[in-house]
Amino acid sequence: MGATASKLERALGDKFPEGERFFGLENFGNTCYCNSVLQALYFCVPFREQLLEYHTSNKNVGEAEENVLTCLADLFNQINSSKKKSGVIAPKRFVQRMKKENELFRSYMHQDAHEFLNFLLNELVDILEKEANAAKGSPISSSPSEKMANGPGNLQANSAQKEPLITWVHKSFQGTLTNETRCLRCETVTERDETFFDLSVDIEQNSSITSCLKNFSSTETLNAEDKFFCDRCCSLQEAQKRMKIKKAPEVLVIHLKRFKYIEHVGRYKKLSYRVVFPLELKLSNNAENAEAEYSLFAVVGSCWQWAKPWPLHQPC
């Protein structure tokens, strides 16, 4: 280990991962929520590899328009191609672009890391879809007679033939949930699928990720004012409802709902409950892939230390 090695390199010695880089991100006025998510995404190997591949394939394409995706790709490439194994990088260009795209992040107030992750993934999807559509070229405009032929009667058929674009962001993070409702009168089961990038689960005191996921898929009875309208019975009926994971994503993101609305005081309360998470997780309520297993690689959280005159927010 050379004299120029960092404290981290000297501490890890031969255990320092081969080819890996460990860089801190400079804070630009309470942007720790952003830095924490970027760190987690950098160590999400499928996402990082796709982003670096995107950077390589687009770096020679003339004067490409700057956006959140190009700024993020440049940042990841800067870290990945660094000759040093550790250090500090200022993501100033990315932060400036992020604030330009979304006014929510323009202030110097603390922001929610989960909201930022949702914004970032959806923004990347929008950019990739626009680039894919631009690469295909503008569709040939229809003549007046063709427009009449493609009127309301054929609109649904034409729309059904168009499949949604699946980007590499979808391939990494998107899963499918099934909302299953069973009428307790006629036993008819109604299923509705919906996609997700992350699972938001309720938490309880002294619980675990495994128990939170079981509660997420637990059966709920719909009665009284919450009765279900059954198409077969043509009336409101008592029913049982549950959510189950139909298709597990390649990368599973779990969001712990640590704020609960307290009705009698009319405000939200922070739940500082202890939630145990394993290093290895197997989804037991997965419909299509019962052997879906995950290895933990990142945790984004927060702990507060009060100082005068401002609170210090430190990502864990």
C-alpha atoms as a PDB file:
ATOM      1  CA  MET A   1       0.000   0.000   0.000  1.00  0.00           C
ATOM      2  CA  GLY A   2       1.606   3.268  -1.137  1.00  0.00           C
ATOM      3  CA  ALA A   3       2.130   6.398   0.900  1.00  0.00           C
ATOM      4  CA  THR A   4      -0.628   8.161  -1.075  1.00  0.00           C
ATOM      5  CA  ALA A   5      -3.246   5.590  -0.076  1.00  0.00           C
ATOM      6  CA  SER A   6      -6.293   6.915   1.760  1.00  0.00           C
ATOM      7  CA  LYS A   7      -7.259   5.970   5.310  1.00  0.00           C
ATOM      8  CA  LEU A   8      -9.958   3.690   3.901  1.00  0.00           C
ATOM      9  CA  GLU A   9      -7.482   1.864   1.664  1.00  0.00           C
ATOM     10  CA  ARG A  10      -5.029   1.438   4.528  1.00  0.00           C
ATOM     11  CA  ALA A  11      -7.815   0.210   6.826  1.00  0.00           C
ATOM     12  CA  LEU A  12      -9.117  -2.380   4.345  1.00  0.00           C
ATOM     13  CA  GLY A  13      -5.725  -3.400   3.006  1.00  0.00           C
ATOM     14  CA  ASP A  14      -5.996  -6.556   0.883  1.00  0.00           C
ATOM     15  CA  LYS A  15      -9.750  -6.675   1.538  1.00  0.00           C
ATOM     16  CA  PHE A  16     -10.358  -3.604  -0.648  1.00  0.00           C
ATOM     17  CA  PRO A  17     -12.732  -4.820  -3.433  1.00  0.00           C
ATOM     18  CA  GLU A  18     -10.931  -5.225  -6.748  1.00  0.00           C
ATOM     19  CA  GLY A  19     -11.918  -2.610  -9.319  1.00  0.00           C
ATOM     20  CA  GLU A  20     -14.307  -0.829  -6.934  1.00  0.00           C
ATOM     21  CA  ARG A  21     -14.350   2.887  -6.075  1.00  0.00           C
ATOM     22  CA  PHE A  22     -15.494   4.479  -2.815  1.00  0.00           C
ATOM     23  CA  PHE A  23     -16.132   8.200  -3.177  1.00  0.00           C
ATOM     24  CA  GLY A  24     -18.008  10.546  -0.903  1.00  0.00           C
ATOM     25  CA  LEU A  25     -20.270  13.197  -2.441  1.00  0.00           C
ATOM     26  CA  GLU A  26     -19.975  16.829  -1.406  1.00  0.00           C
ATOM     27  CA  ASN A  27     -23.037  18.357   0.238  1.00  0.00           C
ATOM     28  CA  PHE A  28     -24.547  21.482  -1.360  1.00  0.00           C
ATOM     29  CA  GLY A  29     -26.836  22.776   1.382  1.00  0.00           C
ATOM     30  CA  ASN A  30     -28.796  19.805   2.761  1.00  0.00           C
ATOM     31  CA  THR A  31     -28.465  17.656  -0.378  1.00  0.00           C
ATOM     32  CA  CYS A  32     -27.650  14.617   1.772  1.00  0.00           C
ATOM     33  CA  TYR A  33     -30.985  13.047   0.718  1.00  0.00           C
ATOM     34  CA  CYS A  34     -29.751  13.226  -2.881  1.00  0.00           C
ATOM     35  CA  ASN A  35     -26.219  12.016  -2.101  1.00  0.00           C
ATOM     36  CA  SER A  36     -27.522   9.026  -0.128  1.00  0.00           C
ATOM     37  CA  VAL A  37     -29.705   7.855  -3.020  1.00  0.00           C
ATOM     38  CA  LEU A  38     -26.900   8.388  -5.555  1.00  0.00           C
ATOM     39  CA  GLN A  39     -24.538   6.315  -3.409  1.00  0.00           C
ATOM     40  CA  ALA A  40     -27.102   3.499  -3.223  1.00  0.00           C
ATOM     41  CA  LEU A  41     -27.678   3.617  -6.992  1.00  0.00           C
ATOM     42  CA  TYR A  42     -23.946   3.588  -7.728  1.00  0.00           C
ATOM     43  CA  PHE A  43     -23.549   0.343  -5.797  1.00  0.00           C
ATOM     44  CA  CYS A  44     -26.597  -1.124  -7.549  1.00  0.00           C
ATOM     45  CA  VAL A  45     -24.482  -3.011 -10.084  1.00  0.00           C
ATOM     46  CA  PRO A  46     -27.144  -3.652 -12.803  1.00  0.00           C
ATOM     47  CA  PHE A  47     -28.143   0.024 -12.784  1.00  0.00           C
ATOM     48  CA  ARG A  48     -24.541   1.279 -12.759  1.00  0.00           C
ATOM     49  CA  GLU A  49     -23.489  -0.984 -15.637  1.00  0.00           C
ATOM     50  CA  GLN A  50     -26.413   0.150 -17.786  1.00  0.00           C
ATOM     51  CA  LEU A  51     -25.733   3.811 -17.007  1.00  0.00           C
ATOM     52  CA  LEU A  52     -22.024   3.507 -17.857  1.00  0.00           C
ATOM     53  CA  GLU A  53     -22.950   1.713 -21.083  1.00  0.00           C
ATOM     54  CA  TYR A  54     -25.322   4.574 -21.892  1.00  0.00           C
ATOM     55  CA  HIS A  55     -22.507   7.071 -21.253  1.00  0.00           C
ATOM     56  CA  THR A  56     -20.137   5.185 -23.563  1.00  0.00           C
ATOM     57  CA  SER A  57     -22.650   4.937 -26.401  1.00  0.00           C
ATOM     58  CA  ASN A  58     -23.687   8.597 -26.179  1.00  0.00           C
ATOM     59  CA  LYS A  59     -20.473  10.483 -25.398  1.00  0.00           C
ATOM     60  CA  ASN A  60     -19.589  10.874 -29.088  1.00  0.00           C
ATOM     61  CA  VAL A  61     -23.057  11.867 -30.302  1.00  0.00           C
ATOM     62  CA  GLY A  62     -22.407  15.511 -31.211  1.00  0.00           C
ATOM     63  CA  GLU A  63     -23.658  18.167 -28.819  1.00  0.00           C
ATOM     64  CA  ALA A  64     -26.136  16.064 -26.873  1.00  0.00           C
ATOM     65  CA  GLU A  65     -28.735  17.976 -24.889  1.00  0.00           C
ATOM     66  CA  GLU A  66     -27.892  18.092 -21.191  1.00  0.00           C
ATOM     67  CA  ASN A  67     -30.465  16.525 -18.896  1.00  0.00           C
ATOM     68  CA  VAL A  68     -30.666  14.614 -15.622  1.00  0.00           C
ATOM     69  CA  LEU A  69     -29.672  11.364 -17.342  1.00  0.00           C
ATOM     70  CA  THR A  70     -26.542  12.734 -19.037  1.00  0.00           C
ATOM     71  CA  CYS A  71     -25.457  14.499 -15.825  1.00  0.00           C
ATOM     72  CA  LEU A  72     -25.908  11.317 -13.791  1.00  0.00           C
ATOM     73  CA  ALA A  73     -24.056   9.245 -16.397  1.00  0.00           C
ATOM     74  CA  ASP A  74     -21.155  11.728 -16.359  1.00  0.00           C
ATOM     75  CA  LEU A  75     -21.026  11.603 -12.552  1.00  0.00           C
ATOM     76  CA  PHE A  76     -20.941   7.797 -12.427  1.00  0.00           C
ATOM     77  CA  ASN A  77     -18.311   7.699 -15.167  1.00  0.00           C
ATOM     78  CA  GLN A  78     -16.198  10.232 -13.265  1.00  0.00           C
ATOM     79  CA  ILE A  79     -16.221   7.958 -10.219  1.00  0.00           C
ATOM     80  CA  ASN A  80     -15.743   4.719 -12.140  1.00  0.00           C
ATOM     81  CA  SER A  81     -12.841   5.998 -14.276  1.00  0.00           C
ATOM     82  CA  SER A  82     -10.976   7.700 -11.430  1.00  0.00           C
ATOM     83  CA  LYS A  83      -7.374   6.613 -10.921  1.00  0.00           C
ATOM     84  CA  LYS A  84      -7.901   6.924  -7.179  1.00  0.00           C
ATOM     85  CA  LYS A  85      -9.785   4.234  -5.298  1.00  0.00           C
ATOM     86  CA  SER A  86     -11.406   6.636  -2.836  1.00  0.00           C
ATOM     87  CA  GLY A  87     -11.940  10.330  -2.318  1.00  0.00           C
ATOM     88  CA  VAL A  88     -14.584  13.051  -2.583  1.00  0.00           C
ATOM     89  CA  ILE A  89     -16.438  14.259  -5.677  1.00  0.00           C
ATOM     90  CA  ALA A  90     -18.687  17.302  -5.982  1.00  0.00           C
ATOM     91  CA  PRO A  91     -21.883  16.390  -7.915  1.00  0.00           C
ATOM     92  CA  LYS A  92     -22.500  20.086  -8.582  1.00  0.00           C
ATOM     93  CA  ARG A  93     -23.584  19.722 -12.206  1.00  0.00           C
ATOM     94  CA  PHE A  94     -26.097  16.997 -11.386  1.00  0.00           C
ATOM     95  CA  VAL A  95     -27.543  18.905  -8.413  1.00  0.00           C
ATOM     96  CA  GLN A  96     -27.929  22.067 -10.497  1.00  0.00           C
ATOM     97  CA  ARG A  97     -29.725  20.146 -13.230  1.00  0.00           C
ATOM     98  CA  MET A  98     -31.959  18.374 -10.707  1.00  0.00           C
ATOM     99  CA  LYS A  99     -33.018  21.698  -9.174  1.00  0.00           C
ATOM    100  CA  LYS A 100     -33.686  23.122 -12.614  1.00  0.00           C
ATOM    101  CA  GLU A 101     -35.969  20.208 -13.504  1.00  0.00           C
ATOM    102  CA  ASN A 102     -37.938  20.146 -10.233  1.00  0.00           C
ATOM    103  CA  GLU A 103     -38.666  23.199  -8.099  1.00  0.00           C
ATOM    104  CA  LEU A 104     -39.282  20.974  -5.052  1.00  0.00           C
ATOM    105  CA  PHE A 105     -35.511  20.522  -4.695  1.00  0.00           C
ATOM    106  CA  ARG A 106     -34.522  24.169  -5.243  1.00  0.00           C
ATOM    107  CA  SER A 107     -34.699  25.209  -1.600  1.00  0.00           C
ATOM    108  CA  TYR A 108     -32.128  24.472   1.083  1.00  0.00           C
ATOM    109  CA  MET A 109     -34.638  22.513   3.158  1.00  0.00           C
ATOM    110  CA  HIS A 110     -34.359  18.812   3.934  1.00  0.00           C
ATOM    111  CA  GLN A 111     -36.159  16.609   1.407  1.00  0.00           C
ATOM    112  CA  ASP A 112     -37.414  13.040   1.462  1.00  0.00           C
ATOM    113  CA  ALA A 113     -35.011  10.501  -0.065  1.00  0.00           C
ATOM    114  CA  HIS A 114     -37.889   8.259  -1.178  1.00  0.00           C
ATOM    115  CA  GLU A 115     -39.577  11.100  -3.069  1.00  0.00           C
ATOM    116  CA  PHE A 116     -36.269  11.970  -4.694  1.00  0.00           C
ATOM    117  CA  LEU A 117     -35.720   8.352  -5.800  1.00  0.00           C
ATOM    118  CA  ASN A 118     -39.199   8.246  -7.364  1.00  0.00           C
ATOM    119  CA  PHE A 119     -38.573  11.539  -9.163  1.00  0.00           C
ATOM    120  CA  LEU A 120     -35.180  10.391 -10.443  1.00  0.00           C
ATOM    121  CA  LEU A 121     -36.291   6.990 -11.768  1.00  0.00           C
ATOM    122  CA  ASN A 122     -39.375   8.436 -13.472  1.00  0.00           C
ATOM    123  CA  GLU A 123     -37.318  11.272 -14.962  1.00  0.00           C
ATOM    124  CA  LEU A 124     -34.804   8.780 -16.378  1.00  0.00           C
ATOM    125  CA  VAL A 125     -37.644   6.721 -17.870  1.00  0.00           C
ATOM    126  CA  ASP A 126     -39.158   9.819 -19.522  1.00  0.00           C
ATOM    127  CA  ILE A 127     -35.812  10.776 -21.065  1.00  0.00           C
ATOM    128  CA  LEU A 128     -35.109   7.253 -22.350  1.00  0.00           C
ATOM    129  CA  GLU A 129     -38.598   7.008 -23.860  1.00  0.00           C
ATOM    130  CA  LYS A 130     -38.206  10.375 -25.619  1.00  0.00           C
ATOM    131  CA  GLU A 131     -34.822   9.328 -27.008  1.00  0.00           C
ATOM    132  CA  ALA A 132     -36.239   6.000 -28.216  1.00  0.00           C
ATOM    133  CA  ASN A 133     -39.174   7.721 -29.936  1.00  0.00           C
ATOM    134  CA  ALA A 134     -36.851  10.286 -31.516  1.00  0.00           C
ATOM    135  CA  ALA A 135     -34.606   7.492 -32.819  1.00  0.00           C
ATOM    136  CA  LYS A 136     -37.593   5.849 -34.510  1.00  0.00           C
ATOM    137  CA  GLY A 137     -38.430   9.100 -36.285  1.00  0.00           C
ATOM    138  CA  SER A 138     -41.699  10.983 -36.529  1.00  0.00           C
ATOM    139  CA  PRO A 139     -44.683   8.875 -37.630  1.00  0.00           C
ATOM    140  CA  ILE A 140     -46.007   9.473 -41.140  1.00  0.00           C
ATOM    141  CA  SER A 141     -49.049  11.730 -40.960  1.00  0.00           C
ATOM    142  CA  SER A 142     -52.296  10.244 -42.160  1.00  0.00           C
ATOM    143  CA  SER A 143     -54.303  11.641 -45.055  1.00  0.00           C
ATOM    144  CA  PRO A 144     -57.781  13.092 -44.315  1.00  0.00           C
ATOM    145  CA  SER A 145     -59.452   9.886 -45.535  1.00  0.00           C
ATOM    146  CA  GLU A 146     -57.171   7.764 -43.330  1.00  0.00           C
ATOM    147  CA  LYS A 147     -57.946   9.967 -40.331  1.00  0.00           C
ATOM    148  CA  MET A 148     -61.646   9.362 -40.898  1.00  0.00           C
ATOM    149  CA  ALA A 149     -61.009   5.606 -41.139  1.00  0.00           C
ATOM    150  CA  ASN A 150     -58.990   5.745 -37.920  1.00  0.00           C
ATOM    151  CA  GLY A 151     -61.761   7.496 -36.028  1.00  0.00           C
ATOM    152  CA  PRO A 152     -63.251   6.614 -32.632  1.00  0.00           C
ATOM    153  CA  GLY A 153     -64.296   3.171 -33.844  1.00  0.00           C
ATOM    154  CA  ASN A 154     -60.683   2.108 -34.477  1.00  0.00           C
ATOM    155  CA  LEU A 155     -58.981   4.189 -31.798  1.00  0.00           C
ATOM    156  CA  GLN A 156     -59.116   1.473 -29.151  1.00  0.00           C
ATOM    157  CA  ALA A 157     -57.806  -1.197 -31.522  1.00  0.00           C
ATOM    158  CA  ASN A 158     -54.905   1.018 -32.603  1.00  0.00           C
ATOM    159  CA  SER A 159     -54.038   1.852 -28.993  1.00  0.00           C
ATOM    160  CA  ALA A 160     -54.136  -1.803 -27.967  1.00  0.00           C
ATOM    161  CA  GLN A 161     -51.526  -2.683 -30.598  1.00  0.00           C
ATOM    162  CA  LYS A 162     -49.041  -0.179 -29.195  1.00  0.00           C
ATOM    163  CA  GLU A 163     -46.968  -1.800 -26.463  1.00  0.00           C
ATOM    164  CA  PRO A 164     -45.307   0.339 -23.773  1.00  0.00           C
ATOM    165  CA  LEU A 165     -41.569   0.838 -24.101  1.00  0.00           C
ATOM    166  CA  ILE A 166     -39.505  -1.156 -21.591  1.00  0.00           C
ATOM    167  CA  THR A 167     -36.308   0.720 -20.703  1.00  0.00           C
ATOM    168  CA  TRP A 168     -33.311  -0.585 -18.762  1.00  0.00           C
ATOM    169  CA  VAL A 169     -34.672   1.282 -15.726  1.00  0.00           C
ATOM    170  CA  HIS A 170     -37.831  -0.842 -15.952  1.00  0.00           C
ATOM    171  CA  LYS A 171     -35.766  -4.010 -16.340  1.00  0.00           C
ATOM    172  CA  SER A 172     -33.839  -3.227 -13.158  1.00  0.00           C
ATOM    173  CA  PHE A 173     -36.541  -1.925 -10.809  1.00  0.00           C
ATOM    174  CA  GLN A 174     -40.015  -2.683 -12.145  1.00  0.00           C
ATOM    175  CA  GLY A 175     -42.130  -5.442 -10.652  1.00  0.00           C
ATOM    176  CA  THR A 176     -45.821  -6.301 -10.862  1.00  0.00           C
ATOM    177  CA  LEU A 177     -48.396  -6.379  -8.067  1.00  0.00           C
ATOM    178  CA  THR A 178     -51.758  -8.137  -8.240  1.00  0.00           C
ATOM    179  CA  ASN A 179     -54.699  -6.605  -6.391  1.00  0.00           C
ATOM    180  CA  GLU A 180     -56.941  -9.601  -5.663  1.00  0.00           C
ATOM    181  CA  THR A 181     -60.528  -9.132  -4.428  1.00  0.00           C
ATOM    182  CA  ARG A 182     -62.886 -12.027  -3.607  1.00  0.00           C
ATOM    183  CA  CYS A 183     -66.627 -11.412  -3.282  1.00  0.00           C
ATOM    184  CA  LEU A 184     -67.895 -13.212  -0.163  1.00  0.00           C
ATOM    185  CA  ARG A 185     -71.325 -13.784  -1.721  1.00  0.00           C
ATOM    186  CA  CYS A 186     -70.579 -15.295  -5.143  1.00  0.00           C
ATOM    187  CA  GLU A 187     -66.875 -16.151  -4.539  1.00  0.00           C
ATOM    188  CA  THR A 188     -65.882 -14.377  -7.762  1.00  0.00           C
ATOM    189  CA  VAL A 189     -62.240 -13.280  -7.727  1.00  0.00           C
ATOM    190  CA  THR A 190     -61.324 -10.002  -9.422  1.00  0.00           C
ATOM    191  CA  GLU A 191     -57.663  -9.367 -10.210  1.00  0.00           C
ATOM    192  CA  ARG A 192     -56.011  -6.132 -11.278  1.00  0.00           C
ATOM    193  CA  ASP A 193     -52.301  -5.836 -12.051  1.00  0.00           C
ATOM    194  CA  GLU A 194     -50.198  -2.739 -11.449  1.00  0.00           C
ATOM    195  CA  THR A 195     -46.482  -2.078 -11.804  1.00  0.00           C
ATOM    196  CA  PHE A 196     -44.187  -0.682  -9.125  1.00  0.00           C
ATOM    197  CA  PHE A 197     -40.644   0.607  -8.675  1.00  0.00           C
ATOM    198  CA  ASP A 198     -40.694   0.196  -4.885  1.00  0.00           C
ATOM    199  CA  LEU A 199     -42.824  -1.354  -2.152  1.00  0.00           C
ATOM    200  CA  SER A 200     -44.076   0.946   0.625  1.00  0.00           C
ATOM    201  CA  VAL A 201     -44.788  -1.147   3.723  1.00  0.00           C
ATOM    202  CA  ASP A 202     -46.253  -0.294   7.132  1.00  0.00           C
ATOM    203  CA  ILE A 203     -44.062  -0.923  10.165  1.00  0.00           C
ATOM    204  CA  GLU A 204     -44.700  -1.984  13.749  1.00  0.00           C
ATOM    205  CA  GLN A 205     -42.703  -1.852  16.960  1.00  0.00           C
ATOM    206  CA  ASN A 206     -39.893  -4.446  17.122  1.00  0.00           C
ATOM    207  CA  SER A 207     -40.710  -5.932  13.727  1.00  0.00           C
ATOM    208  CA  SER A 208     -38.685  -7.111  10.735  1.00  0.00           C
ATOM    209  CA  ILE A 209     -38.689  -6.620   6.978  1.00  0.00           C
ATOM    210  CA  THR A 210     -40.001 -10.171   6.606  1.00  0.00           C
ATOM    211  CA  SER A 211     -42.985  -9.544   8.898  1.00  0.00           C
ATOM    212  CA  CYS A 212     -43.667  -6.188   7.193  1.00  0.00           C
ATOM    213  CA  LEU A 213     -43.858  -7.942   3.818  1.00  0.00           C
ATOM    214  CA  LYS A 214     -46.203 -10.585   5.244  1.00  0.00           C
ATOM    215  CA  ASN A 215     -48.489  -7.850   6.579  1.00  0.00           C
ATOM    216  CA  PHE A 216     -48.319  -6.137   3.186  1.00  0.00           C
ATOM    217  CA  SER A 217     -49.869  -9.247   1.610  1.00  0.00           C
ATOM    218  CA  SER A 218     -52.288 -10.009   4.438  1.00  0.00           C
ATOM    219  CA  THR A 219     -56.023 -10.347   3.739  1.00  0.00           C
ATOM    220  CA  GLU A 220     -58.280  -7.372   4.493  1.00  0.00           C
ATOM    221  CA  THR A 221     -62.068  -7.606   4.858  1.00  0.00           C
ATOM    222  CA  LEU A 222     -64.118  -4.944   3.078  1.00  0.00           C
ATOM    223  CA  ASN A 223     -67.424  -4.327   4.855  1.00  0.00           C
ATOM    224  CA  ALA A 224     -69.706  -1.604   6.210  1.00  0.00           C
ATOM    225  CA  GLU A 225     -68.891   1.612   4.307  1.00  0.00           C
ATOM    226  CA  ASP A 226     -65.979  -0.049   2.483  1.00  0.00           C
ATOM    227  CA  LYS A 227     -67.979  -2.730   0.660  1.00  0.00           C
ATOM    228  CA  PHE A 228     -66.814  -3.853  -2.772  1.00  0.00           C
ATOM    229  CA  PHE A 229     -68.981  -3.467  -5.896  1.00  0.00           C
ATOM    230  CA  CYS A 230     -69.185  -6.927  -7.439  1.00  0.00           C
ATOM    231  CA  ASP A 231     -69.816  -6.916 -11.195  1.00  0.00           C
ATOM    232  CA  ARG A 232     -71.384 -10.367 -11.040  1.00  0.00           C
ATOM    233  CA  CYS A 233     -73.746  -9.550  -8.161  1.00  0.00           C
ATOM    234  CA  CYS A 234     -74.302  -6.023  -9.543  1.00  0.00           C
ATOM    235  CA  SER A 235     -74.305  -4.636  -6.008  1.00  0.00           C
ATOM    236  CA  LEU A 236     -72.095  -3.732  -3.064  1.00  0.00           C
ATOM    237  CA  GLN A 237     -70.927  -6.830  -1.229  1.00  0.00           C
ATOM    238  CA  GLU A 238     -68.587  -7.774   1.565  1.00  0.00           C
ATOM    239  CA  ALA A 239     -65.284  -8.968   0.161  1.00  0.00           C
ATOM    240  CA  GLN A 240     -61.751  -9.990   1.022  1.00  0.00           C
ATOM    241  CA  LYS A 241     -58.859  -8.094  -0.510  1.00  0.00           C
ATOM    242  CA  ARG A 242     -55.126  -8.663  -0.610  1.00  0.00           C
ATOM    243  CA  MET A 243     -52.042  -7.546  -2.511  1.00  0.00           C
ATOM    244  CA  LYS A 244     -49.490 -10.043  -3.749  1.00  0.00           C
ATOM    245  CA  ILE A 245     -46.304  -9.765  -5.753  1.00  0.00           C
ATOM    246  CA  LYS A 246     -46.951 -11.296  -9.155  1.00  0.00           C
ATOM    247  CA  LYS A 247     -43.564 -10.572 -10.684  1.00  0.00           C
ATOM    248  CA  ALA A 248     -40.529  -9.716  -8.573  1.00  0.00           C
ATOM    249  CA  PRO A 249     -38.127  -7.041  -9.875  1.00  0.00           C
ATOM    250  CA  GLU A 250     -34.434  -7.643 -10.414  1.00  0.00           C
ATOM    251  CA  VAL A 251     -33.655  -5.000  -7.780  1.00  0.00           C
ATOM    252  CA  LEU A 252     -36.143  -4.757  -4.910  1.00  0.00           C
ATOM    253  CA  VAL A 253     -36.574  -1.353  -3.229  1.00  0.00           C
ATOM    254  CA  ILE A 254     -38.486  -1.376   0.070  1.00  0.00           C
ATOM    255  CA  HIS A 255     -39.722   1.878   1.601  1.00  0.00           C
ATOM    256  CA  LEU A 256     -40.568   1.833   5.314  1.00  0.00           C
ATOM    257  CA  LYS A 257     -43.536   4.096   6.077  1.00  0.00           C
ATOM    258  CA  ARG A 258     -42.202   5.837   9.168  1.00  0.00           C
ATOM    259  CA  PHE A 259     -44.878   8.533   9.305  1.00  0.00           C
ATOM    260  CA  LYS A 260     -48.376   7.741  10.561  1.00  0.00           C
ATOM    261  CA  TYR A 261     -51.335  10.106  10.643  1.00  0.00           C
ATOM    262  CA  ILE A 262     -52.725  10.471  14.176  1.00  0.00           C
ATOM    263  CA  GLU A 263     -56.370  11.388  13.719  1.00  0.00           C
ATOM    264  CA  HIS A 264     -57.129  12.790  17.192  1.00  0.00           C
ATOM    265  CA  VAL A 265     -54.232  15.278  17.020  1.00  0.00           C
ATOM    266  CA  GLY A 266     -54.579  15.976  13.298  1.00  0.00           C
ATOM    267  CA  ARG A 267     -50.942  15.513  12.309  1.00  0.00           C
ATOM    268  CA  TYR A 268     -48.325  12.958  11.320  1.00  0.00           C
ATOM    269  CA  LYS A 269     -46.087  11.250  13.844  1.00  0.00           C
ATOM    270  CA  LYS A 270     -42.600   9.902  13.175  1.00  0.00           C
ATOM    271  CA  LEU A 271     -42.381   6.193  14.025  1.00  0.00           C
ATOM    272  CA  SER A 272     -38.898   5.503  15.373  1.00  0.00           C
ATOM    273  CA  TYR A 273     -39.551   1.776  15.537  1.00  0.00           C
ATOM    274  CA  ARG A 274     -36.785  -0.775  15.389  1.00  0.00           C
ATOM    275  CA  VAL A 275     -37.104  -2.804  12.179  1.00  0.00           C
ATOM    276  CA  VAL A 276     -34.689  -5.694  11.683  1.00  0.00           C
ATOM    277  CA  PHE A 277     -33.525  -6.364   8.136  1.00  0.00           C
ATOM    278  CA  PRO A 278     -31.663  -9.493   6.985  1.00  0.00           C
ATOM    279  CA  LEU A 279     -28.663  -9.564   4.663  1.00  0.00           C
ATOM    280  CA  GLU A 280     -30.463 -12.186   2.558  1.00  0.00           C
ATOM    281  CA  LEU A 281     -34.193 -11.983   1.772  1.00  0.00           C
ATOM    282  CA  LYS A 282     -36.497 -14.474   0.063  1.00  0.00           C
ATOM    283  CA  LEU A 283     -39.934 -13.405  -1.149  1.00  0.00           C
ATOM    284  CA  SER A 284     -42.431 -15.988   0.055  1.00  0.00           C
ATOM    285  CA  ASN A 285     -45.521 -14.273  -1.411  1.00  0.00           C
ATOM    286  CA  ASN A 286     -44.218 -14.094  -4.958  1.00  0.00           C
ATOM    287  CA  ALA A 287     -46.604 -15.615  -7.500  1.00  0.00           C
ATOM    288  CA  GLU A 288     -44.452 -16.219 -10.584  1.00  0.00           C
ATOM    289  CA  ASN A 289     -40.964 -16.702  -9.189  1.00  0.00           C
ATOM    290  CA  ALA A 290     -41.083 -18.459  -5.825  1.00  0.00           C
ATOM    291  CA  GLU A 291     -37.287 -18.612  -5.650  1.00  0.00           C
ATOM    292  CA  ALA A 292     -36.730 -14.833  -5.841  1.00  0.00           C
ATOM    293  CA  GLU A 293     -33.875 -14.088  -3.443  1.00  0.00           C
ATOM    294  CA  TYR A 294     -32.158 -10.795  -2.713  1.00  0.00           C
ATOM    295  CA  SER A 295     -28.883  -9.740  -1.095  1.00  0.00           C
ATOM    296  CA  LEU A 296     -28.823  -6.422   0.753  1.00  0.00           C
ATOM    297  CA  PHE A 297     -26.375  -3.892  -0.720  1.00  0.00           C
ATOM    298  CA  ALA A 298     -27.648  -0.497   0.498  1.00  0.00           C
ATOM    299  CA  VAL A 299     -29.682   1.129   3.260  1.00  0.00           C
ATOM    300  CA  VAL A 300     -30.756   4.782   3.148  1.00  0.00           C
ATOM    301  CA  GLY A 301     -31.853   6.214   6.482  1.00  0.00           C
ATOM    302  CA  SER A 302     -31.385   9.260   8.666  1.00  0.00           C
ATOM    303  CA  CYS A 303     -30.408  10.111  12.202  1.00  0.00           C
ATOM    304  CA  TRP A 304     -30.697  13.516  13.797  1.00  0.00           C
ATOM    305  CA  GLN A 305     -28.298  15.315  16.094  1.00  0.00           C
ATOM    306  CA  TRP A 306     -29.461  18.678  17.362  1.00  0.00           C
ATOM    307  CA  ALA A 307     -26.944  21.482  17.404  1.00  0.00           C
ATOM    308  CA  LYS A 308     -27.330  25.227  17.717  1.00  0.00           C
ATOM    309  CA  PRO A 309     -28.808  26.808  15.736  1.00  0.00           C
ATOM    310  CA  TRP A 310     -29.475  24.176  13.025  1.00  0.00           C
ATOM    311  CA  PRO A 311     -30.131  20.414  13.083  1.00  0.00           C
ATOM    312  CA  LEU A 312     -27.394  18.278  11.551  1.00  0.00           C
ATOM    313  CA  HIS A 313     -28.721  15.595   9.231  1.00  0.00           C
ATOM    314  CA  GLN A 314     -26.376  12.678   8.681  1.00  0.00           C
ATOM    315  CA  PRO A 315     -27.263   9.866   6.244  1.00  0.00           C
ATOM    316  CA  CYS A 316     -26.661   6.422   7.700  1.00  0.00           C
END
